[in-house]
Amino acid sequence: MYGWIWRKLPFGLPGKLVGSLLIGSAMVALLWYVVFPWAEPLLPFDDVQVTQDSGDPAGDVVPGGGEGDDAPAGDEHDLPYDTEQNNTPPPSPDE
């Protein structure tokens, strides 16, 4: 296909190079301004939902930015892994 296009472009090598750049630019513009905006609603890239363990989006968030009444005091960020191992110094090479 590319060979057929190359053979059909006029005006020798300079015309073929300029014609190839014009065709390439036209294809990029067609994809950028027509095809991608048309296909964007069909793709799942923006379909993101952040949920709590219960599966309820926004879990125990209270309007106004505060936390819900069922959150334990002093435990605003419950991490699912142990952070205590990072507080111990590494073993010395002598041991």
C-alpha atoms as a PDB file:
ATOM      1  CA  MET A   1       0.000   0.000   0.000  1.00  0.00           C
ATOM      2  CA  TYR A   2       2.765   2.463   0.895  1.00  0.00           C
ATOM      3  CA  GLY A   3       4.653   1.562  -2.253  1.00  0.00           C
ATOM      4  CA  TRP A   4       1.553   2.267  -4.364  1.00  0.00           C
ATOM      5  CA  ILE A   5       1.103   5.675  -2.689  1.00  0.00           C
ATOM      6  CA  TRP A   6       4.811   6.472  -3.168  1.00  0.00           C
ATOM      7  CA  ARG A   7       4.626   5.586  -6.868  1.00  0.00           C
ATOM      8  CA  LYS A   8       1.469   7.689  -7.407  1.00  0.00           C
ATOM      9  CA  LEU A   9       2.848  10.876  -5.804  1.00  0.00           C
ATOM     10  CA  PRO A  10       3.973  13.362  -8.496  1.00  0.00           C
ATOM     11  CA  PHE A  11       6.994  15.676  -9.011  1.00  0.00           C
ATOM     12  CA  GLY A  12       9.908  13.314  -8.397  1.00  0.00           C
ATOM     13  CA  LEU A  13      11.683  12.855  -5.069  1.00  0.00           C
ATOM     14  CA  PRO A  14      11.008  16.372  -3.657  1.00  0.00           C
ATOM     15  CA  GLY A  15       7.310  16.107  -4.506  1.00  0.00           C
ATOM     16  CA  LYS A  16       7.116  12.631  -3.027  1.00  0.00           C
ATOM     17  CA  LEU A  17       8.709  13.819   0.238  1.00  0.00           C
ATOM     18  CA  VAL A  18       6.427  16.860   0.517  1.00  0.00           C
ATOM     19  CA  GLY A  19       3.399  14.787  -0.459  1.00  0.00           C
ATOM     20  CA  SER A  20       4.285  12.135   2.123  1.00  0.00           C
ATOM     21  CA  LEU A  21       4.577  14.795   4.840  1.00  0.00           C
ATOM     22  CA  LEU A  22       1.224  16.297   3.823  1.00  0.00           C
ATOM     23  CA  ILE A  23      -0.496  12.914   3.811  1.00  0.00           C
ATOM     24  CA  GLY A  24       1.052  12.007   7.174  1.00  0.00           C
ATOM     25  CA  SER A  25       0.036  15.351   8.698  1.00  0.00           C
ATOM     26  CA  ALA A  26      -3.489  14.989   7.334  1.00  0.00           C
ATOM     27  CA  MET A  27      -3.796  11.517   8.859  1.00  0.00           C
ATOM     28  CA  VAL A  28      -2.543  12.726  12.260  1.00  0.00           C
ATOM     29  CA  ALA A  29      -5.000  15.654  12.163  1.00  0.00           C
ATOM     30  CA  LEU A  30      -7.853  13.339  11.158  1.00  0.00           C
ATOM     31  CA  LEU A  31      -7.081  10.977  14.035  1.00  0.00           C
ATOM     32  CA  TRP A  32      -6.523  13.793  16.562  1.00  0.00           C
ATOM     33  CA  TYR A  33      -9.597  15.899  15.755  1.00  0.00           C
ATOM     34  CA  VAL A  34     -12.118  13.330  14.456  1.00  0.00           C
ATOM     35  CA  VAL A  35     -11.407   9.706  15.352  1.00  0.00           C
ATOM     36  CA  PHE A  36     -10.064  10.084  18.916  1.00  0.00           C
ATOM     37  CA  PRO A  37     -12.849  12.467  20.103  1.00  0.00           C
ATOM     38  CA  TRP A  38     -15.421  10.096  18.600  1.00  0.00           C
ATOM     39  CA  ALA A  39     -13.868   7.029  20.272  1.00  0.00           C
ATOM     40  CA  GLU A  40     -13.177   8.599  23.690  1.00  0.00           C
ATOM     41  CA  PRO A  41     -16.654   7.972  25.183  1.00  0.00           C
ATOM     42  CA  LEU A  42     -16.430   4.342  24.061  1.00  0.00           C
ATOM     43  CA  LEU A  43     -13.162   3.679  25.937  1.00  0.00           C
ATOM     44  CA  PRO A  44     -13.085   2.825  29.669  1.00  0.00           C
ATOM     45  CA  PHE A  45     -10.094   5.019  30.624  1.00  0.00           C
ATOM     46  CA  ASP A  46     -12.170   7.606  32.531  1.00  0.00           C
ATOM     47  CA  ASP A  47     -14.461   5.066  34.216  1.00  0.00           C
ATOM     48  CA  VAL A  48     -12.696   5.053  37.586  1.00  0.00           C
ATOM     49  CA  GLN A  49     -14.451   4.522  40.915  1.00  0.00           C
ATOM     50  CA  VAL A  50     -12.696   4.740  44.247  1.00  0.00           C
ATOM     51  CA  THR A  51     -14.518   2.643  46.824  1.00  0.00           C
ATOM     52  CA  GLN A  52     -14.108   1.619  50.440  1.00  0.00           C
ATOM     53  CA  ASP A  53     -14.049  -2.070  51.478  1.00  0.00           C
ATOM     54  CA  SER A  54     -17.847  -2.046  51.593  1.00  0.00           C
ATOM     55  CA  GLY A  55     -17.992  -1.265  47.880  1.00  0.00           C
ATOM     56  CA  ASP A  56     -19.855   1.986  48.543  1.00  0.00           C
ATOM     57  CA  PRO A  57     -18.250   4.899  46.661  1.00  0.00           C
ATOM     58  CA  ALA A  58     -17.125   7.608  49.086  1.00  0.00           C
ATOM     59  CA  GLY A  59     -17.775   5.247  52.038  1.00  0.00           C
ATOM     60  CA  ASP A  60     -18.028   7.210  55.257  1.00  0.00           C
ATOM     61  CA  VAL A  61     -17.317  10.699  53.918  1.00  0.00           C
ATOM     62  CA  VAL A  62     -19.473  13.370  55.467  1.00  0.00           C
ATOM     63  CA  PRO A  63     -20.365  16.455  53.387  1.00  0.00           C
ATOM     64  CA  GLY A  64     -18.129  19.328  54.401  1.00  0.00           C
ATOM     65  CA  GLY A  65     -14.885  17.334  54.408  1.00  0.00           C
ATOM     66  CA  GLY A  66     -15.093  15.843  57.906  1.00  0.00           C
ATOM     67  CA  GLU A  67     -14.928  12.168  58.735  1.00  0.00           C
ATOM     68  CA  GLY A  68     -17.896  10.054  59.670  1.00  0.00           C
ATOM     69  CA  ASP A  69     -18.820   9.308  63.290  1.00  0.00           C
ATOM     70  CA  ASP A  70     -17.812   5.652  62.946  1.00  0.00           C
ATOM     71  CA  ALA A  71     -14.119   6.444  62.279  1.00  0.00           C
ATOM     72  CA  PRO A  72     -11.817   5.591  65.226  1.00  0.00           C
ATOM     73  CA  ALA A  73     -10.194   8.580  66.914  1.00  0.00           C
ATOM     74  CA  GLY A  74      -6.555   9.110  65.986  1.00  0.00           C
ATOM     75  CA  ASP A  75      -6.618   6.576  63.121  1.00  0.00           C
ATOM     76  CA  GLU A  76      -7.322   8.763  60.107  1.00  0.00           C
ATOM     77  CA  HIS A  77      -5.202   6.676  57.741  1.00  0.00           C
ATOM     78  CA  ASP A  78      -5.427   2.940  58.263  1.00  0.00           C
ATOM     79  CA  LEU A  79      -2.659   1.342  56.182  1.00  0.00           C
ATOM     80  CA  PRO A  80      -3.150  -2.247  54.960  1.00  0.00           C
ATOM     81  CA  TYR A  81       0.501  -3.115  55.686  1.00  0.00           C
ATOM     82  CA  ASP A  82       2.946  -2.961  58.585  1.00  0.00           C
ATOM     83  CA  THR A  83       5.144   0.139  58.760  1.00  0.00           C
ATOM     84  CA  GLU A  84       7.053  -0.850  61.884  1.00  0.00           C
ATOM     85  CA  GLN A  85       9.638  -2.815  59.908  1.00  0.00           C
ATOM     86  CA  ASN A  86      10.866   0.444  58.371  1.00  0.00           C
ATOM     87  CA  ASN A  87      11.742   1.858  61.810  1.00  0.00           C
ATOM     88  CA  THR A  88      14.321  -0.810  62.687  1.00  0.00           C
ATOM     89  CA  PRO A  89      17.930  -0.188  61.684  1.00  0.00           C
ATOM     90  CA  PRO A  90      19.438  -2.598  59.159  1.00  0.00           C
ATOM     91  CA  PRO A  91      21.671  -5.326  60.596  1.00  0.00           C
ATOM     92  CA  SER A  92      25.361  -4.479  60.719  1.00  0.00           C
ATOM     93  CA  PRO A  93      27.762  -6.444  58.481  1.00  0.00           C
ATOM     94  CA  ASP A  94      29.459  -7.861  61.630  1.00  0.00           C
ATOM     95  CA  GLU A  95      26.438  -9.951  62.616  1.00  0.00           C
END
